[in-house]
Protein backbone atom coordinates (compact mmCIF):
# COMPACT_ATOMS: atom_id res chain seq x y z
CA MET A 1 42.79 73.91 102.60
CA THR A 2 43.78 74.78 106.15
CA SER A 3 47.27 74.14 107.47
CA SER A 4 45.89 71.40 109.72
CA ALA A 5 44.94 69.29 106.71
CA ARG A 6 47.50 70.30 104.09
CA HIS A 7 50.00 67.48 104.70
CA LEU A 8 47.63 64.70 105.80
CA LYS A 9 47.83 61.32 104.14
CA PRO A 10 44.62 59.44 103.24
CA GLY A 11 42.97 58.16 106.41
CA GLN A 12 45.30 60.09 108.72
CA PRO A 13 43.41 61.95 111.50
CA ARG A 14 43.53 65.74 111.78
CA TRP A 15 45.35 67.32 114.70
CA SER A 16 43.37 67.68 117.89
CA TYR A 17 43.24 70.43 120.51
CA SER A 18 42.94 67.67 123.12
CA LEU A 19 46.47 66.48 122.38
CA GLN A 20 48.86 69.13 123.73
CA LYS A 21 52.46 68.61 122.76
CA TYR A 22 55.37 70.99 122.29
CA LYS A 23 57.36 70.82 119.10
CA PRO A 24 60.78 69.21 119.63
CA PHE A 25 63.54 71.69 120.39
CA ARG A 26 65.40 72.69 117.26
CA ASP A 27 68.06 75.35 116.86
CA VAL A 28 67.07 76.99 113.57
CA PHE A 29 70.39 78.81 113.43
CA ALA A 30 72.41 75.58 113.60
CA GLU A 31 70.44 73.13 111.48
CA LYS A 32 72.08 69.73 111.74
CA ASP A 33 74.41 68.92 108.83
CA LEU A 34 73.36 72.07 106.93
CA PHE A 35 76.23 73.88 105.20
CA SER A 36 75.92 77.67 104.96
CA ILE A 37 78.16 79.18 102.27
CA LEU A 38 79.16 82.64 103.52
CA PHE A 39 80.32 84.56 100.44
CA LEU A 40 81.70 88.07 100.98
CA ALA A 41 82.46 90.37 98.04
CA CYS A 42 83.83 93.91 97.85
CA GLY A 43 84.14 95.14 94.26
CA ARG A 44 86.18 93.39 91.53
CA PRO A 45 83.13 91.84 89.81
CA GLU A 46 85.17 89.94 87.21
CA ILE A 47 87.07 88.08 89.91
CA THR A 48 83.85 87.63 91.93
CA LYS A 49 82.09 85.89 89.04
CA ARG A 50 85.03 83.66 88.21
CA CYS A 51 85.53 82.56 91.81
CA LEU A 52 81.85 82.20 92.67
CA LEU A 53 81.14 80.00 89.66
CA SER A 54 84.11 77.80 90.54
CA SER A 55 82.66 77.22 94.02
CA ILE A 56 79.14 76.62 92.72
CA ASP A 57 80.55 74.06 90.29
CA CYS A 58 82.25 72.18 93.13
CA ILE A 59 79.50 72.49 95.73
CA SER A 60 76.81 71.38 93.26
CA LYS A 61 78.31 67.87 93.51
CA TYR A 62 76.94 67.66 97.05
CA THR A 63 73.46 66.13 97.42
CA GLY A 64 72.82 67.32 100.99
CA GLU A 65 71.29 70.56 102.22
CA VAL A 66 73.10 73.82 101.37
CA GLU A 67 72.26 77.50 101.74
CA TRP A 68 74.12 80.46 100.23
CA VAL A 69 74.40 83.78 102.06
CA PHE A 70 75.85 86.58 99.92
CA LEU A 71 77.08 89.97 101.06
CA GLU A 72 78.12 92.76 98.69
CA ASN A 73 80.22 94.83 101.05
CA GLY A 74 81.14 97.71 98.76
CA GLY A 75 78.12 98.81 96.76
CA ASP A 76 79.16 97.09 93.52
CA GLU A 77 76.11 96.79 91.27
CA GLN A 78 77.55 94.00 89.11
CA ASN A 79 78.25 91.81 92.13
CA TYR A 80 74.76 92.47 93.46
CA GLN A 81 73.11 91.56 90.15
CA LEU A 82 75.22 88.40 89.91
CA PHE A 83 74.09 87.30 93.38
CA GLN A 84 70.46 88.05 92.52
CA GLU A 85 70.54 86.16 89.24
CA VAL A 86 72.63 83.09 90.04
CA PRO A 87 70.19 80.13 90.09
CA LEU A 88 70.53 78.64 93.56
CA GLU A 89 67.69 76.92 95.38
CA ARG A 90 68.30 78.45 98.82
CA LYS A 91 70.01 81.81 99.13
CA VAL A 92 70.01 85.18 100.89
CA VAL A 93 71.48 88.33 99.32
CA ILE A 94 72.58 91.32 101.43
CA ARG A 95 74.15 94.61 100.37
CA GLN A 96 75.61 97.27 102.61
CA LYS A 97 78.35 99.87 102.90
CA ASN A 98 81.81 98.57 103.64
CA PHE A 99 82.21 98.58 107.42
CA GLY A 100 85.11 96.11 107.27
CA ILE A 101 85.67 92.46 106.52
CA SER A 102 85.08 91.24 110.07
CA GLU A 103 81.80 93.14 110.40
CA GLY A 104 80.76 91.72 107.04
CA PHE A 105 81.39 88.16 108.16
CA ASN A 106 79.62 88.83 111.44
CA GLN A 107 76.56 89.74 109.38
CA LEU A 108 76.85 86.54 107.37
CA TRP A 109 77.31 84.39 110.48
CA SER A 110 74.29 85.96 112.19
CA ILE A 111 71.99 85.25 109.26
CA SER A 112 73.27 81.77 108.43
CA ARG A 113 71.35 78.73 109.63
CA GLY A 114 73.89 75.97 109.13
CA GLU A 115 75.67 73.79 111.64
CA PHE A 116 78.76 74.31 109.47
CA CYS A 117 79.75 77.56 107.71
CA VAL A 118 82.00 77.76 104.64
CA ILE A 119 83.90 81.06 104.80
CA LEU A 120 84.65 82.37 101.31
CA GLU A 121 85.91 85.71 100.05
CA ASN A 122 85.36 86.65 96.43
CA ASP A 123 89.01 86.25 95.41
CA PHE A 124 89.54 82.56 96.11
CA GLU A 125 89.06 80.19 93.17
CA ASN A 126 88.26 76.49 93.42
CA ARG A 127 90.47 74.68 90.93
CA LEU A 128 89.23 71.17 91.62
CA PRO A 129 85.52 71.31 90.72
CA SER A 130 85.22 67.53 90.41
CA PHE A 131 86.02 67.09 94.12
CA ASN A 132 82.95 66.73 96.36
CA LEU A 133 84.16 69.15 98.99
CA LEU A 134 81.12 69.16 101.27
CA GLU A 135 80.61 65.41 101.29
CA HIS A 136 84.17 64.80 102.45
CA SER A 137 84.02 67.71 104.91
CA LEU A 138 80.89 66.31 106.54
CA ASP A 139 82.61 62.94 106.79
CA ILE A 140 85.59 64.61 108.52
CA PHE A 141 83.39 66.50 111.01
CA HIS A 142 81.37 63.37 111.80
CA SER A 143 84.52 61.31 112.30
CA ASN A 144 86.08 63.63 114.87
CA GLY A 145 84.03 65.88 117.14
CA ASP A 146 87.19 67.71 118.27
CA ILE A 147 87.64 69.33 114.85
CA GLY A 148 86.49 72.95 114.85
CA ILE A 149 87.84 74.11 111.50
CA ILE A 150 88.68 72.47 108.17
CA GLN A 151 91.09 74.58 106.12
CA LEU A 152 90.55 74.58 102.36
CA ARG A 153 93.32 76.72 100.88
CA ALA A 154 95.85 74.89 98.71
CA ILE A 155 98.89 74.09 100.82
CA PHE A 156 101.28 75.29 98.11
CA ASP A 157 99.38 78.38 96.92
CA ASN A 158 102.15 80.71 95.70
CA GLN A 159 99.86 83.75 95.79
CA GLU A 160 99.10 83.40 99.50
CA GLN A 161 102.39 83.55 101.32
CA TRP A 162 101.50 84.93 104.74
CA GLY A 163 102.30 82.31 107.35
CA ARG A 164 103.94 79.91 104.91
CA GLY A 165 106.76 77.93 106.51
CA LYS A 166 105.69 78.91 110.03
CA ALA A 167 104.35 75.96 112.00
CA GLU A 168 102.23 78.05 114.37
CA TYR A 169 100.33 79.54 111.39
CA TRP A 170 100.50 77.04 108.52
CA PRO A 171 101.91 73.69 109.65
CA TRP A 172 100.88 71.80 106.52
CA ASP A 173 104.05 72.65 104.55
CA CYS A 174 106.54 72.52 107.46
CA ASP A 175 109.19 69.90 108.07
CA SER A 176 109.41 67.95 111.31
CA GLU A 177 112.19 70.18 112.68
CA GLU A 178 110.06 73.32 112.35
CA LEU A 179 107.04 71.54 113.84
CA ASP A 180 109.09 70.34 116.83
CA LYS A 181 110.52 73.83 117.38
CA LYS A 182 107.00 75.28 117.74
CA THR A 183 105.65 72.18 119.57
CA VAL A 184 103.06 71.68 116.85
CA LYS A 185 101.90 68.15 116.14
CA LEU A 186 100.66 67.07 112.72
CA TRP A 187 98.80 63.82 112.03
CA HIS A 188 97.69 61.95 108.93
CA GLU A 189 94.14 60.81 109.66
CA GLU A 190 91.42 58.77 107.97
CA THR A 191 87.65 59.11 108.34
CA ARG A 192 85.26 56.28 109.08
CA LEU A 193 84.43 56.20 105.35
CA GLY A 194 88.08 56.01 104.36
CA TYR A 195 88.89 59.62 103.37
CA LYS A 196 92.46 60.66 104.25
CA TYR A 197 93.07 64.15 105.63
CA LEU A 198 95.50 66.14 107.79
CA LEU A 199 95.10 67.18 111.42
CA ALA A 200 97.15 69.61 113.52
CA ASN A 201 97.03 71.19 116.95
CA HIS A 202 98.33 74.64 115.94
CA SER A 203 96.63 77.58 117.62
CA ASN A 204 96.18 79.99 114.71
CA ALA A 205 93.64 78.09 112.65
CA TRP A 206 91.14 80.93 112.38
CA ASN A 207 91.55 83.20 109.37
CA ASN A 208 89.47 84.59 106.54
CA ASN A 209 91.03 82.35 103.94
CA PRO A 210 88.69 79.57 102.78
CA ASN A 211 87.72 77.28 105.63
CA ILE A 212 84.72 75.53 107.14
CA ALA A 213 83.96 76.14 110.80
CA ARG A 214 81.44 74.73 113.21
CA LYS A 215 78.91 77.33 114.28
CA GLN A 216 79.55 76.15 117.83
CA LEU A 217 83.12 77.47 117.49
CA TYR A 218 81.96 80.90 116.32
CA ARG A 219 79.41 81.12 119.12
CA GLU A 220 82.04 80.39 121.74
CA CYS A 221 84.57 82.85 120.28
CA GLY A 222 82.72 85.51 118.26
CA PRO A 223 81.88 88.05 117.12
CA LEU A 224 84.89 88.99 115.03
CA GLU A 225 86.62 92.25 115.86
CA GLU A 226 87.76 94.90 113.39
CA ALA A 227 91.29 96.22 113.50
CA GLU A 228 91.72 99.65 115.02
CA MET A 229 92.37 102.51 112.60
CA GLY A 230 96.03 102.59 111.61
CA SER A 231 96.84 99.17 113.06
CA ASP A 232 97.68 95.88 111.37
CA PRO A 233 94.51 94.91 109.46
CA ARG A 234 95.01 91.32 110.59
CA HIS A 235 94.32 92.35 114.20
CA GLY A 236 90.73 91.08 114.14
CA GLU A 237 91.86 87.69 112.90
CA THR A 238 94.62 87.57 115.51
CA THR A 239 92.10 88.18 118.28
CA MET A 240 89.96 85.34 116.96
CA GLN A 241 92.99 83.07 116.83
CA GLU A 242 93.74 83.84 120.48
CA ARG A 243 90.17 82.92 121.42
CA THR A 244 90.15 79.65 119.47
CA ALA A 245 93.51 78.69 120.98
CA LYS A 246 91.88 78.58 124.41
CA LEU A 247 89.36 75.96 123.28
CA LYS A 248 89.96 72.27 122.79
CA PHE A 249 89.18 72.15 119.08
CA VAL A 250 91.81 70.97 116.62
CA THR A 251 92.24 71.91 112.96
CA ALA A 252 91.96 69.74 109.87
CA HIS A 253 93.11 70.31 106.31
CA ILE A 254 91.11 68.89 103.41
CA ALA A 255 94.39 67.50 101.94
CA LYS A 256 93.62 68.70 98.41
CA GLU A 257 95.09 71.57 96.40
CA LEU A 258 91.66 73.14 96.27
CA TYR A 259 91.38 76.94 96.69
CA TYR A 260 93.89 79.45 95.30
CA HIS A 261 94.10 83.19 95.89
CA CYS A 262 93.43 85.37 92.82
CA GLY A 263 94.03 88.99 92.01
CA ARG A 264 97.19 89.77 93.92
CA LYS A 265 100.90 89.84 93.14
CA VAL A 266 103.09 86.92 94.08
CA THR A 267 105.34 87.89 97.00
CA PRO A 268 108.40 86.00 98.20
CA ILE A 269 108.22 83.96 101.38
CA THR A 270 109.70 85.91 104.30
């Protein structure tokens, strides 16, 4: 059967050369309401499997369209086999040498086709698998077009201390005095469907910890930069934060103790 007749219903006429019409414009790299899960791994296959399965468990609750884009950034065969074998309906698997975390995420962003991208490294575990993360995130994005990023890391994650207690980096656990000192405003908001979440106007929302970002935001700010040799490895993230600060997007927090950092020592807050 030719392509012109494959999807015809009984009695429906075939297409005609006499009817010239362009297909409607569609941005295939920002499919409306599609979530792209950008999953970056570099070694540590035991942690990769544990954390990936925790995210699959949570994201499987969502009934909308999802694609997974995997990148093994360090030549680990076990990670690569896991990505190949995990039974997901729509996925892409990439492997390459480690050229840095920012370059890796640039690869994932460039291949993804979603309007929204979930940024996940292989050492963040979802500890609330019953929570329909993507359904509520879509509700948040639809309720407020000014939101560029939804942060997913647990507010009180004791294994991820960088920025804790500093309103300009992580306002969610700060008291009103600290927020006022840094002129950061924090709101308690509710979506049109009744989901309660947090909103803040702090300028350092972009980081590689779990978050969901609009592709529009990445396009206006990206690509990510790598830190120069010998410099603070957070330099690339800092540059991205400076770019996002110049835009009018605000940042939301999912308001759940969702993702926790694995595989590192607990360090005191400084």
